[in-house]
Amino acid sequence: MKSFLFLFFLFFQSSYPVYSQSNLLESVKKNPSEAINICNKFRDFNSKGISASSDKAIDYVSKKNKLTPVNAEIFSIYVIGLHCPDVI
């Protein structure tokens, strides 16, 4: 029984990131104005020589959207891909 619970726990934990990534993508799709605001901040970072994938930019997205750094990075990639491909 313990091994079953352990395997169930591992399966549940491994499937969780997939759901969270899907939710992040949906939040970007449903809030284009917020994504455009983030794009503008990324452009501001770019004008200062800071990449949108830098720790500073990811920290900004993380704090603004109350996300973990990993989810903030995923969120940033979605935002850039959907709304501001010109950002580096």
Protein backbone atom coordinates (compact mmCIF):
# COMPACT_ATOMS: atom_id res chain seq x y z
CA MET A 1 0.00 0.00 0.00
CA LYS A 2 2.83 2.40 0.81
CA SER A 3 4.41 1.86 -2.57
CA PHE A 4 1.10 2.62 -4.27
CA LEU A 5 0.77 5.89 -2.37
CA PHE A 6 4.36 6.77 -3.17
CA LEU A 7 3.82 6.11 -6.90
CA PHE A 8 0.57 8.07 -6.83
CA PHE A 9 2.35 10.98 -5.18
CA LEU A 10 5.13 10.90 -7.79
CA PHE A 11 2.60 10.80 -10.63
CA PHE A 12 0.62 13.68 -9.16
CA GLN A 13 3.73 15.81 -8.69
CA SER A 14 5.00 15.12 -12.18
CA SER A 15 1.68 16.07 -13.77
CA TYR A 16 1.31 19.30 -11.80
CA PRO A 17 3.79 21.39 -13.88
CA VAL A 18 1.91 20.54 -17.05
CA TYR A 19 -1.28 21.97 -15.61
CA SER A 20 0.47 25.05 -14.31
CA GLN A 21 2.09 25.74 -17.69
CA SER A 22 -1.28 25.42 -19.39
CA ASN A 23 -2.78 27.87 -16.90
CA LEU A 24 0.08 30.31 -17.51
CA LEU A 25 -0.50 30.18 -21.25
CA GLU A 26 -4.23 30.71 -20.78
CA SER A 27 -3.62 33.69 -18.50
CA VAL A 28 -1.45 35.30 -21.20
CA LYS A 29 -4.11 34.66 -23.85
CA LYS A 30 -6.93 36.03 -21.69
CA ASN A 31 -5.10 39.20 -20.59
CA PRO A 32 -3.49 40.70 -23.68
CA SER A 33 -3.37 44.20 -22.18
CA GLU A 34 -1.37 42.91 -19.20
CA ALA A 35 0.94 41.03 -21.56
CA ILE A 36 1.47 44.20 -23.61
CA ASN A 37 2.37 46.07 -20.40
CA ILE A 38 4.97 43.42 -19.67
CA CYS A 39 6.23 43.72 -23.26
CA ASN A 40 6.69 47.44 -22.73
CA LYS A 41 8.67 46.75 -19.55
CA PHE A 42 10.81 44.24 -21.45
CA ARG A 43 11.44 46.88 -24.15
CA ASP A 44 12.45 49.27 -21.38
CA PHE A 45 14.87 46.65 -20.05
CA ASN A 46 16.20 46.11 -23.60
CA SER A 47 16.84 49.83 -24.01
CA LYS A 48 19.06 49.61 -20.90
CA GLY A 49 20.91 46.60 -22.28
CA ILE A 50 19.04 44.09 -20.10
CA SER A 51 17.67 40.93 -21.68
CA ALA A 52 14.07 39.86 -21.10
CA SER A 53 15.45 36.53 -19.90
CA SER A 54 17.78 38.13 -17.35
CA ASP A 55 17.36 37.56 -13.64
CA LYS A 56 16.21 41.16 -13.23
CA ALA A 57 13.42 40.80 -15.81
CA ILE A 58 12.33 37.42 -14.46
CA ASP A 59 12.29 38.83 -10.93
CA TYR A 60 10.08 41.68 -12.16
CA VAL A 61 7.58 39.26 -13.73
CA SER A 62 7.72 37.00 -10.69
CA LYS A 63 6.87 39.81 -8.28
CA LYS A 64 4.30 41.46 -10.53
CA ASN A 65 2.36 38.24 -11.10
CA LYS A 66 3.16 36.47 -7.81
CA LEU A 67 4.87 33.57 -9.58
CA THR A 68 7.81 31.39 -8.75
CA PRO A 69 10.94 32.24 -10.76
CA VAL A 70 10.48 29.14 -12.94
CA ASN A 71 6.85 29.97 -13.69
CA ALA A 72 7.79 33.61 -14.27
CA GLU A 73 10.31 32.50 -16.88
CA ILE A 74 7.71 30.31 -18.60
CA PHE A 75 5.19 33.15 -18.43
CA SER A 76 7.75 35.54 -19.96
CA ILE A 77 8.41 33.16 -22.84
CA TYR A 78 4.68 32.96 -23.56
CA VAL A 79 4.30 36.74 -23.41
CA ILE A 80 7.23 37.31 -25.75
CA GLY A 81 6.09 34.61 -28.16
CA LEU A 82 2.51 35.85 -28.37
CA HIS A 83 2.82 39.60 -28.02
CA CYS A 84 6.34 40.94 -28.49
CA PRO A 85 8.65 38.76 -30.60
CA ASP A 86 10.89 41.81 -31.15
CA VAL A 87 12.04 41.68 -27.51
CA ILE A 88 15.38 40.03 -26.81
